[in-house]
N, C-alpha and C. Protein backbone atom coordinates (compact mmCIF):
# COMPACT_ATOMS: atom_id res chain seq x y z
N MET A 1 69.02 110.37 -100.30
CA MET A 1 70.88 110.34 -100.32
C MET A 1 71.18 111.37 -98.83
N PRO A 2 72.15 111.04 -98.29
CA PRO A 2 72.30 111.65 -96.96
C PRO A 2 72.98 113.23 -97.39
N ALA A 3 72.90 113.73 -95.92
CA ALA A 3 73.16 115.04 -96.01
C ALA A 3 74.46 115.32 -96.11
N VAL A 4 74.90 116.33 -96.56
CA VAL A 4 76.79 116.08 -96.61
C VAL A 4 77.05 117.90 -96.05
N ASN A 5 78.42 117.40 -96.08
CA ASN A 5 78.92 118.88 -95.57
C ASN A 5 78.83 120.12 -96.62
N PRO A 6 78.18 121.11 -96.42
CA PRO A 6 77.55 121.97 -97.05
C PRO A 6 78.75 122.49 -97.74
N GLU A 7 80.03 122.70 -97.39
CA GLU A 7 81.19 123.35 -97.90
C GLU A 7 81.53 122.37 -99.12
N ASN A 8 81.70 121.03 -98.80
CA ASN A 8 82.14 120.03 -99.88
C ASN A 8 80.79 120.03 -101.02
N CYS A 9 79.61 119.87 -100.41
CA CYS A 9 78.28 120.09 -101.66
C CYS A 9 78.59 120.99 -102.47
N LEU A 10 79.00 122.26 -102.11
CA LEU A 10 79.32 123.23 -102.60
C LEU A 10 80.30 123.69 -104.25
N ASN A 11 81.45 122.85 -103.37
CA ASN A 11 82.49 122.59 -103.99
C ASN A 11 82.63 121.87 -104.97
N ALA A 12 81.63 120.46 -104.85
CA ALA A 12 81.40 119.51 -105.87
C ALA A 12 80.34 120.18 -106.53
N THR A 13 79.82 121.05 -106.42
CA THR A 13 78.57 121.96 -107.50
C THR A 13 79.50 122.34 -108.59
N ARG A 14 79.93 123.19 -107.88
CA ARG A 14 81.14 124.27 -108.53
C ARG A 14 81.97 123.40 -109.70
N GLN A 15 82.42 122.08 -109.12
CA GLN A 15 83.29 120.94 -110.26
C GLN A 15 81.96 120.48 -111.34
N TRP A 16 81.11 120.26 -110.89
CA TRP A 16 79.98 119.65 -111.79
C TRP A 16 79.31 120.81 -112.92
N VAL A 17 79.53 122.02 -112.25
CA VAL A 17 79.50 123.24 -113.40
C VAL A 17 80.56 123.03 -114.40
N GLU A 18 82.14 122.97 -113.72
CA GLU A 18 83.01 123.34 -114.79
C GLU A 18 83.18 122.04 -115.38
N ARG A 19 83.28 120.76 -114.78
CA ARG A 19 83.95 119.57 -115.40
C ARG A 19 82.53 118.92 -116.33
N PHE A 20 81.20 119.04 -115.75
CA PHE A 20 80.37 118.70 -117.05
C PHE A 20 79.24 119.78 -117.47
N VAL A 21 78.58 121.12 -116.94
CA VAL A 21 78.12 121.57 -117.81
C VAL A 21 78.94 122.57 -118.69
N VAL A 22 79.77 122.97 -118.49
CA VAL A 22 80.91 123.81 -119.12
C VAL A 22 81.49 122.83 -120.06
N ALA A 23 82.36 121.79 -119.70
CA ALA A 23 83.32 121.02 -120.19
C ALA A 23 82.62 120.09 -121.68
N HIS A 24 81.30 119.92 -121.39
CA HIS A 24 79.92 119.13 -122.20
C HIS A 24 79.21 120.22 -122.99
N ASN A 25 79.72 121.70 -122.79
CA ASN A 25 79.14 122.58 -123.06
C ASN A 25 77.32 122.49 -123.18
N VAL A 26 76.64 121.99 -121.85
CA VAL A 26 75.09 121.66 -121.86
C VAL A 26 74.92 123.05 -121.75
N CYS A 27 75.38 124.05 -121.51
CA CYS A 27 74.78 125.33 -121.52
C CYS A 27 75.77 126.34 -121.83
N PRO A 28 75.68 127.08 -123.20
CA PRO A 28 76.77 127.63 -123.47
C PRO A 28 77.07 128.92 -123.25
N PHE A 29 76.25 129.37 -121.93
CA PHE A 29 76.54 130.62 -121.66
C PHE A 29 77.14 130.41 -120.41
N ALA A 30 77.32 129.37 -120.13
CA ALA A 30 77.84 128.96 -118.81
C ALA A 30 79.09 129.12 -118.67
N GLY A 31 79.87 129.12 -119.29
CA GLY A 31 81.60 129.21 -119.23
C GLY A 31 82.06 130.65 -118.88
N ARG A 32 81.30 131.66 -119.39
CA ARG A 32 81.69 132.84 -119.57
C ARG A 32 81.23 133.34 -118.18
N GLU A 33 80.38 132.57 -117.42
CA GLU A 33 79.91 132.79 -115.81
C GLU A 33 80.98 132.75 -114.84
N VAL A 34 81.24 131.39 -115.16
CA VAL A 34 82.50 131.07 -114.67
C VAL A 34 83.83 131.77 -114.71
N GLU A 35 83.96 132.17 -115.95
CA GLU A 35 85.19 132.89 -115.97
C GLU A 35 84.99 134.02 -114.91
N ARG A 36 83.82 134.83 -115.19
CA ARG A 36 83.66 136.38 -114.36
C ARG A 36 83.53 136.09 -112.94
N ASP A 37 83.03 134.81 -112.06
CA ASP A 37 82.40 134.61 -111.25
C ASP A 37 81.85 135.17 -110.74
N SER A 38 80.67 134.89 -111.56
CA SER A 38 79.27 135.81 -111.59
C SER A 38 78.17 134.41 -110.96
N ILE A 39 78.41 133.45 -110.96
CA ILE A 39 77.62 132.38 -110.32
C ILE A 39 77.57 132.66 -108.46
N GLU A 40 76.35 132.66 -107.77
CA GLU A 40 76.23 132.40 -106.51
C GLU A 40 76.17 130.87 -106.21
N TYR A 41 76.52 130.18 -105.24
CA TYR A 41 76.16 129.29 -104.91
C TYR A 41 75.85 128.74 -103.53
N ARG A 42 74.55 128.76 -103.15
CA ARG A 42 74.10 128.29 -101.95
C ARG A 42 73.57 127.16 -101.35
N VAL A 43 73.19 126.71 -100.24
CA VAL A 43 73.18 125.49 -99.95
C VAL A 43 71.82 125.98 -99.54
N LEU A 44 70.84 124.97 -99.36
CA LEU A 44 69.28 124.87 -99.01
C LEU A 44 69.18 123.16 -98.16
N ASP A 45 68.20 123.31 -97.30
CA ASP A 45 67.92 122.36 -96.62
C ASP A 45 66.60 121.70 -97.08
N GLY A 46 66.41 120.82 -97.68
CA GLY A 46 65.06 120.28 -98.28
C GLY A 46 64.35 120.19 -97.21
N ASN A 47 64.48 119.79 -95.96
CA ASN A 47 63.99 119.31 -94.88
C ASN A 47 63.07 120.37 -94.42
N ASP A 48 63.61 121.60 -94.82
CA ASP A 48 63.19 122.79 -94.13
C ASP A 48 62.65 123.97 -95.35
N LEU A 49 61.34 123.36 -95.48
CA LEU A 49 60.50 123.87 -96.69
C LEU A 49 60.39 125.37 -96.49
N GLU A 50 59.96 126.04 -95.60
CA GLU A 50 59.58 127.41 -95.53
C GLU A 50 61.22 128.14 -95.62
N GLY A 51 62.19 127.43 -95.30
CA GLY A 51 63.47 128.04 -94.91
C GLY A 51 64.10 128.64 -96.49
N ALA A 52 63.67 126.89 -97.11
CA ALA A 52 64.42 127.10 -98.41
C ALA A 52 63.73 128.05 -99.45
N LEU A 53 62.00 128.23 -99.42
CA LEU A 53 61.22 128.93 -99.99
C LEU A 53 62.05 130.51 -99.43
N LEU A 54 62.20 130.70 -98.36
CA LEU A 54 62.65 132.49 -97.76
C LEU A 54 63.74 132.46 -98.66
N GLU A 55 64.99 131.49 -98.72
CA GLU A 55 66.34 131.81 -99.00
C GLU A 55 66.20 131.86 -100.57
N LEU A 56 65.01 131.41 -101.36
CA LEU A 56 64.96 131.74 -103.10
C LEU A 56 64.71 133.28 -103.08
N ILE A 57 64.10 133.28 -102.00
CA ILE A 57 63.47 135.11 -102.13
C ILE A 57 64.36 135.79 -101.91
N GLU A 58 65.10 135.70 -100.67
CA GLU A 58 66.55 136.39 -100.43
C GLU A 58 67.37 136.41 -101.62
N THR A 59 67.89 135.13 -102.36
CA THR A 59 68.48 135.20 -103.15
C THR A 59 68.31 136.18 -104.42
N CYS A 60 66.88 136.21 -104.64
CA CYS A 60 66.33 136.72 -105.43
C CYS A 60 66.55 138.52 -105.04
N ARG A 61 66.36 139.15 -103.87
CA ARG A 61 66.45 140.00 -103.42
C ARG A 61 68.00 140.27 -103.78
N HIS A 62 69.05 139.20 -103.28
CA HIS A 62 70.56 139.67 -103.38
C HIS A 62 70.57 139.84 -105.23
N LEU A 63 70.29 139.19 -106.10
CA LEU A 63 70.34 139.33 -107.21
C LEU A 63 70.35 140.73 -107.92
N ASP A 64 69.06 141.30 -107.02
CA ASP A 64 68.42 142.63 -107.52
C ASP A 64 69.45 143.62 -107.07
N GLU A 65 70.01 143.00 -106.13
CA GLU A 65 71.11 144.39 -105.45
C GLU A 65 72.56 143.91 -105.79
N THR A 66 72.73 143.34 -106.42
CA THR A 66 74.32 142.85 -107.09
C THR A 66 73.97 142.36 -108.40
N PRO A 67 73.95 143.42 -109.45
CA PRO A 67 74.27 143.13 -110.26
C PRO A 67 75.41 142.36 -111.06
N THR A 68 76.76 142.44 -110.42
CA THR A 68 77.62 141.43 -110.61
C THR A 68 77.34 140.02 -110.60
N VAL A 69 76.59 139.67 -110.25
CA VAL A 69 76.19 138.36 -110.02
C VAL A 69 74.80 138.16 -110.96
N GLU A 70 75.27 136.94 -111.84
CA GLU A 70 74.58 136.76 -113.18
C GLU A 70 73.42 135.57 -112.58
N THR A 71 73.90 134.87 -112.06
CA THR A 71 72.84 133.79 -111.77
C THR A 71 73.15 133.16 -110.17
N ALA A 72 72.19 132.38 -109.77
CA ALA A 72 72.64 131.69 -108.41
C ALA A 72 72.13 130.04 -108.79
N LEU A 73 72.80 129.18 -107.67
CA LEU A 73 72.60 127.65 -107.74
C LEU A 73 72.22 127.62 -106.49
N LEU A 74 70.91 127.28 -105.98
CA LEU A 74 70.55 127.01 -104.86
C LEU A 74 70.46 125.57 -104.55
N VAL A 75 71.46 125.09 -104.08
CA VAL A 75 71.94 123.41 -103.75
C VAL A 75 71.05 122.60 -102.92
N PHE A 76 70.40 121.95 -102.72
CA PHE A 76 69.68 121.26 -101.89
C PHE A 76 70.72 119.92 -101.28
N SER A 77 71.37 120.27 -99.88
CA SER A 77 72.83 119.01 -99.76
C SER A 77 71.62 118.74 -98.69
N SER A 78 70.62 118.20 -98.89
CA SER A 78 69.64 117.38 -97.64
C SER A 78 68.32 117.64 -98.57
N GLY A 79 67.20 116.10 -98.19
CA GLY A 79 66.00 116.29 -98.47
C GLY A 79 65.72 116.44 -100.18
N LEU A 80 64.73 116.57 -100.56
CA LEU A 80 64.13 116.87 -102.09
C LEU A 80 64.74 115.60 -102.44
N ASN A 81 64.99 114.01 -102.10
CA ASN A 81 65.77 113.34 -102.66
C ASN A 81 65.05 112.34 -103.64
N ASP A 82 63.36 112.39 -103.57
CA ASP A 82 62.59 111.74 -104.09
C ASP A 82 62.09 112.94 -105.15
N PHE A 83 62.18 112.78 -106.53
CA PHE A 83 62.00 113.50 -107.84
C PHE A 83 60.62 114.40 -107.81
N ASP A 84 59.82 113.33 -107.70
CA ASP A 84 58.30 114.13 -107.73
C ASP A 84 58.03 115.05 -106.37
N ASP A 85 58.83 114.54 -105.30
CA ASP A 85 58.66 115.56 -104.24
C ASP A 85 59.25 116.79 -104.87
N TYR A 86 60.12 116.42 -105.20
CA TYR A 86 61.10 117.94 -105.59
C TYR A 86 60.46 118.73 -106.87
N LEU A 87 59.38 118.09 -107.67
CA LEU A 87 58.37 118.36 -108.23
C LEU A 87 57.49 119.50 -108.20
N ASP A 88 57.23 119.02 -106.85
CA ASP A 88 55.70 119.63 -106.24
C ASP A 88 56.74 120.60 -105.42
N VAL A 89 57.57 120.81 -104.64
CA VAL A 89 58.31 122.25 -104.62
C VAL A 89 59.05 123.04 -105.33
N LEU A 90 59.18 122.64 -106.16
CA LEU A 90 59.72 123.11 -107.12
C LEU A 90 58.23 124.16 -107.85
N ALA A 91 57.39 123.38 -107.83
CA ALA A 91 56.26 123.98 -108.33
C ALA A 91 55.59 125.14 -107.04
N LEU A 92 55.93 124.78 -106.14
CA LEU A 92 55.48 125.78 -105.38
C LEU A 92 56.68 127.26 -105.22
N ALA A 93 57.59 126.43 -105.58
CA ALA A 93 58.87 128.15 -105.52
C ALA A 93 58.69 128.88 -106.63
N GLU A 94 57.85 128.78 -107.82
CA GLU A 94 57.88 129.15 -109.14
C GLU A 94 56.50 129.95 -108.72
N ALA A 95 55.68 129.34 -108.08
CA ALA A 95 54.26 130.12 -107.73
C ALA A 95 54.97 131.61 -106.77
N LEU A 96 55.48 131.36 -105.98
CA LEU A 96 55.96 132.29 -104.73
C LEU A 96 56.86 133.10 -106.13
N LEU A 97 57.65 132.91 -107.06
CA LEU A 97 58.24 133.97 -107.32
C LEU A 97 57.34 134.81 -108.22
N VAL A 98 56.00 134.36 -108.32
CA VAL A 98 54.61 134.94 -109.46
C VAL A 98 54.47 135.88 -108.09
N GLU A 99 54.03 135.22 -106.80
CA GLU A 99 53.34 135.98 -105.86
C GLU A 99 54.71 137.23 -105.30
N GLN A 100 55.26 137.31 -105.53
CA GLN A 100 56.61 138.57 -105.11
C GLN A 100 56.90 139.07 -106.14
N ASP A 101 56.34 139.18 -107.07
CA ASP A 101 56.57 140.16 -108.22
C ASP A 101 57.85 139.91 -108.85
N TYR A 102 58.25 138.42 -108.77
CA TYR A 102 59.47 138.16 -109.94
C TYR A 102 59.42 137.56 -111.41
N GLU A 103 58.32 137.36 -111.34
CA GLU A 103 57.84 136.82 -112.73
C GLU A 103 58.08 137.94 -114.03
N GLY A 104 59.04 137.09 -114.93
CA GLY A 104 59.61 137.78 -115.93
C GLY A 104 60.91 138.74 -115.48
N VAL A 105 61.64 138.13 -114.13
CA VAL A 105 62.44 138.50 -114.10
C VAL A 105 63.56 138.09 -113.38
N TYR A 106 63.09 136.83 -112.89
CA TYR A 106 63.89 135.63 -112.80
C TYR A 106 63.14 134.11 -113.24
N GLN A 107 63.86 133.36 -113.41
CA GLN A 107 63.32 132.30 -113.85
C GLN A 107 63.68 130.84 -113.08
N LEU A 108 63.36 129.87 -112.67
CA LEU A 108 63.82 128.90 -112.12
C LEU A 108 64.14 127.67 -113.48
N ALA A 109 65.59 127.07 -113.44
CA ALA A 109 65.50 125.64 -114.29
C ALA A 109 66.06 125.11 -112.88
N SER A 110 65.54 123.62 -113.48
CA SER A 110 65.94 122.59 -112.27
C SER A 110 66.49 121.78 -112.55
N PHE A 111 67.04 120.80 -111.99
CA PHE A 111 68.26 119.56 -111.75
C PHE A 111 67.95 118.83 -110.54
N HIS A 112 68.40 117.65 -110.97
CA HIS A 112 67.98 116.58 -109.63
C HIS A 112 68.71 115.32 -110.30
N PRO A 113 69.17 115.07 -109.41
CA PRO A 113 70.49 113.49 -109.33
C PRO A 113 69.24 112.43 -110.27
N ASP A 114 67.82 112.56 -110.41
CA ASP A 114 66.87 111.55 -110.99
C ASP A 114 66.05 111.97 -111.93
N TYR A 115 66.02 113.32 -112.49
CA TYR A 115 65.50 113.87 -113.42
C TYR A 115 65.25 112.85 -114.75
N VAL A 116 64.06 113.22 -114.96
CA VAL A 116 63.29 112.32 -115.77
C VAL A 116 62.56 112.92 -117.12
N PHE A 117 62.73 113.52 -118.23
CA PHE A 117 61.88 114.55 -118.64
C PHE A 117 60.68 113.85 -118.92
N ASP A 118 59.17 114.08 -118.69
CA ASP A 118 58.29 113.66 -118.88
C ASP A 118 57.91 112.83 -120.25
N GLY A 119 57.42 111.79 -120.01
CA GLY A 119 57.63 110.61 -121.37
C GLY A 119 58.89 109.95 -121.83
N SER A 120 59.78 110.01 -120.87
CA SER A 120 61.08 109.53 -121.05
C SER A 120 61.10 108.67 -120.09
N ASP A 121 62.05 107.52 -121.02
CA ASP A 121 62.39 106.24 -119.85
C ASP A 121 63.64 106.95 -119.44
N GLU A 122 63.48 106.28 -118.04
CA GLU A 122 64.70 106.82 -116.91
C GLU A 122 65.86 106.78 -117.14
N ASN A 123 65.80 105.84 -118.11
CA ASN A 123 67.57 105.49 -118.39
C ASN A 123 67.86 106.04 -119.52
N ASP A 124 67.13 106.73 -120.52
CA ASP A 124 67.44 107.97 -121.59
C ASP A 124 68.56 108.62 -121.08
N PRO A 125 69.89 108.58 -122.01
CA PRO A 125 70.88 109.84 -121.72
C PRO A 125 70.31 111.00 -121.65
N ALA A 126 69.17 111.39 -122.54
CA ALA A 126 68.82 112.72 -122.46
C ALA A 126 68.61 113.35 -121.28
N ASN A 127 68.03 112.39 -119.92
CA ASN A 127 67.80 113.28 -119.27
C ASN A 127 69.07 113.77 -118.13
N PHE A 128 70.37 113.44 -118.50
CA PHE A 128 71.52 113.72 -117.75
C PHE A 128 71.50 115.47 -118.35
N THR A 129 70.61 115.97 -118.84
CA THR A 129 70.85 117.08 -119.71
C THR A 129 70.55 118.30 -118.37
N ASN A 130 69.99 117.36 -117.41
CA ASN A 130 68.92 118.19 -116.36
C ASN A 130 69.27 117.34 -115.17
N ARG A 131 70.17 116.44 -114.99
CA ARG A 131 70.68 115.71 -113.73
C ARG A 131 72.03 116.46 -113.16
N SER A 132 71.92 116.16 -111.67
CA SER A 132 72.78 117.12 -111.08
C SER A 132 73.25 116.42 -109.71
N PRO A 133 74.30 116.17 -109.26
CA PRO A 133 74.74 115.62 -107.99
C PRO A 133 73.73 115.65 -107.12
N TRP A 134 73.28 116.94 -106.99
CA TRP A 134 72.14 117.07 -105.84
C TRP A 134 71.04 118.18 -106.62
N PRO A 135 69.52 117.88 -105.93
CA PRO A 135 68.84 118.64 -106.37
C PRO A 135 68.91 120.14 -106.45
N ILE A 136 68.88 120.90 -107.66
CA ILE A 136 69.37 122.39 -107.65
C ILE A 136 68.13 122.74 -108.33
N TRP A 137 67.87 124.28 -107.22
CA TRP A 137 67.23 125.31 -108.44
C TRP A 137 68.30 126.22 -108.80
N HIS A 138 68.03 126.44 -110.30
CA HIS A 138 68.71 127.40 -111.01
C HIS A 138 68.27 128.94 -111.19
N VAL A 139 68.63 130.12 -110.16
CA VAL A 139 67.63 131.36 -110.58
C VAL A 139 68.81 132.22 -111.75
N LEU A 140 67.52 132.31 -112.58
CA LEU A 140 68.21 132.96 -114.11
C LEU A 140 67.59 134.31 -114.20
N ARG A 141 68.74 135.08 -114.23
CA ARG A 141 68.00 136.76 -114.93
C ARG A 141 67.29 136.58 -115.90
N GLU A 142 66.20 137.08 -116.25
CA GLU A 142 65.70 136.81 -117.59
C GLU A 142 66.37 137.91 -118.55
N GLU A 143 66.34 138.83 -117.98
CA GLU A 143 67.12 139.94 -118.72
C GLU A 143 68.47 139.27 -119.28
N GLY A 144 69.32 138.98 -118.60
CA GLY A 144 70.41 138.44 -118.87
C GLY A 144 70.47 137.19 -120.01
N LEU A 145 69.64 136.28 -119.30
CA LEU A 145 69.16 135.22 -120.53
C LEU A 145 68.65 135.44 -121.80
N GLU A 146 68.06 136.57 -121.93
CA GLU A 146 67.59 137.51 -123.55
C GLU A 146 68.46 137.85 -124.27
N ARG A 147 69.56 138.39 -123.41
CA ARG A 147 70.73 139.08 -123.68
C ARG A 147 71.64 137.98 -124.76
N ALA A 148 71.93 137.13 -123.50
CA ALA A 148 72.76 135.67 -124.23
C ALA A 148 72.39 135.57 -125.60
N LEU A 149 70.75 135.17 -125.58
CA LEU A 149 70.10 134.08 -126.59
C LEU A 149 70.46 134.86 -127.68
N ALA A 150 70.23 136.64 -127.66
CA ALA A 150 70.04 137.38 -129.14
C ALA A 150 71.78 137.26 -129.44
N HIS A 151 72.73 136.90 -128.49
CA HIS A 151 73.96 136.87 -129.53
C HIS A 151 74.31 135.35 -129.91
N TYR A 152 73.31 134.75 -129.89
CA TYR A 152 73.34 133.14 -130.09
C TYR A 152 72.94 132.70 -131.05
N SER A 153 73.45 132.33 -132.20
CA SER A 153 73.06 131.83 -133.37
C SER A 153 72.35 130.48 -133.24
N ASN A 154 70.82 130.45 -133.65
CA ASN A 154 70.15 129.41 -133.12
C ASN A 154 70.08 128.69 -131.76
N PRO A 155 69.77 129.14 -130.97
CA PRO A 155 69.45 128.69 -129.40
C PRO A 155 68.28 127.92 -129.63
N GLU A 156 67.70 127.91 -130.46
CA GLU A 156 66.54 126.48 -129.81
C GLU A 156 66.93 125.44 -130.71
N GLN A 157 68.22 125.03 -131.17
CA GLN A 157 69.25 123.75 -131.26
C GLN A 157 69.80 123.55 -130.18
N ILE A 158 70.10 124.40 -129.23
CA ILE A 158 70.71 124.62 -127.81
C ILE A 158 70.29 122.53 -127.47
N PRO A 159 68.74 122.59 -127.12
CA PRO A 159 68.20 121.26 -126.27
C PRO A 159 68.54 119.93 -127.02
N GLU A 160 68.45 120.16 -128.51
CA GLU A 160 68.89 118.87 -129.68
C GLU A 160 69.93 118.84 -129.48
N ARG A 161 71.22 119.89 -129.42
CA ARG A 161 72.27 119.31 -129.41
C ARG A 161 72.72 118.75 -128.36
N ASN A 162 72.18 119.24 -127.05
CA ASN A 162 72.55 118.72 -125.87
C ASN A 162 72.30 116.88 -125.82
N ILE A 163 71.13 117.29 -126.35
CA ILE A 163 70.58 115.53 -126.20
C ILE A 163 71.27 114.68 -127.17
N GLN A 164 72.07 114.93 -128.31
CA GLN A 164 72.66 114.27 -129.11
C GLN A 164 74.07 114.25 -128.17
N ARG A 165 74.60 115.03 -127.79
CA ARG A 165 75.98 115.16 -127.16
C ARG A 165 75.72 113.83 -125.67
N MET A 166 74.62 113.78 -124.95
CA MET A 166 74.28 112.49 -123.99
C MET A 166 74.20 111.26 -124.59
N HIS A 167 73.34 111.43 -125.63
CA HIS A 167 73.72 109.90 -126.51
C HIS A 167 74.72 109.55 -126.79
N GLU A 168 75.77 110.51 -127.02
CA GLU A 168 77.11 110.07 -127.92
C GLU A 168 78.03 109.84 -126.43
N LEU A 169 77.92 110.29 -125.25
CA LEU A 169 78.33 109.64 -124.08
C LEU A 169 78.04 108.78 -123.50
N GLY A 170 76.65 108.36 -123.54
CA GLY A 170 76.08 107.60 -122.80
C GLY A 170 75.80 107.19 -121.36
N SER A 171 74.57 106.63 -121.15
CA SER A 171 74.47 106.34 -119.76
C SER A 171 75.31 105.92 -119.04
N GLU A 172 75.94 104.83 -118.94
CA GLU A 172 77.41 104.64 -117.93
C GLU A 172 78.33 105.44 -117.79
N GLN A 173 78.67 106.17 -118.74
CA GLN A 173 79.59 106.87 -118.37
C GLN A 173 79.13 108.56 -117.36
N LEU A 174 78.14 108.83 -118.12
CA LEU A 174 76.98 109.83 -117.36
C LEU A 174 77.14 109.39 -116.00
N VAL A 175 76.66 108.65 -115.85
CA VAL A 175 76.09 107.70 -114.43
C VAL A 175 77.44 108.37 -113.31
N GLN A 176 78.82 107.52 -113.99
CA GLN A 176 80.20 107.42 -113.44
C GLN A 176 80.48 109.22 -113.22
N GLN A 177 80.08 110.15 -113.79
CA GLN A 177 80.71 111.33 -113.79
C GLN A 177 79.78 111.63 -112.68
N LEU A 178 78.40 111.59 -112.57
CA LEU A 178 77.80 112.04 -111.26
C LEU A 178 78.13 111.25 -110.13
N ALA A 179 78.40 110.36 -110.15
CA ALA A 179 78.44 109.49 -109.01
C ALA A 179 80.35 109.82 -108.51
N ALA A 180 81.08 110.04 -109.19
CA ALA A 180 82.14 110.77 -108.51
C ALA A 180 82.04 112.27 -108.27
N LEU A 181 81.30 113.06 -108.64
CA LEU A 181 81.18 114.24 -107.95
C LEU A 181 80.58 114.25 -106.24
N ARG A 182 79.54 113.22 -106.73
CA ARG A 182 78.60 112.89 -105.31
C ARG A 182 79.82 112.34 -103.96
N GLU A 183 80.96 111.64 -104.39
CA GLU A 183 81.48 111.50 -103.81
C GLU A 183 82.73 112.04 -103.09
N GLN A 184 82.50 113.14 -104.01
CA GLN A 184 83.95 114.34 -103.02
C GLN A 184 83.05 115.00 -102.05
N SER A 185 81.57 114.58 -101.58
CA SER A 185 81.43 115.19 -100.96
C SER A 185 80.96 114.59 -99.90
């Protein structure tokens, strides 16, 4: 994927959150955060891994200091196009969170345009639960996640419900939706 204008990338990512994640209820907690405007969006350059990892820690510090921001999406507008490379860098990012004493405070959820669950066929619609227009690290407050899960009945059924919904929508429609978002940037 070629680099995109950072502002366009962020706008399209916001639309992905609203028109895909919230609209399809992929994350039943996202709608509340969109309404509260408590999601931080930042653009990273996947060609500058050191800078991206430093920005991850800076984002954690920002979340530490800003309790009104519940979560952050770190969007790679360039680089990390290869899913395996992305997973390698994600492992570095997770190790860095541990090293910086953020284990148990923040966790990373991962999204990528070519996301494929281990052992899954790449064309399985279930993969779209973690597909996004660009590679993304989603920095989640563990405390906020625990609070949300405590007030949600049967949270263990969320992944199964999402997989069923993705199968109902079908790969063709899901591919079109992501492509339309990428084209906006």
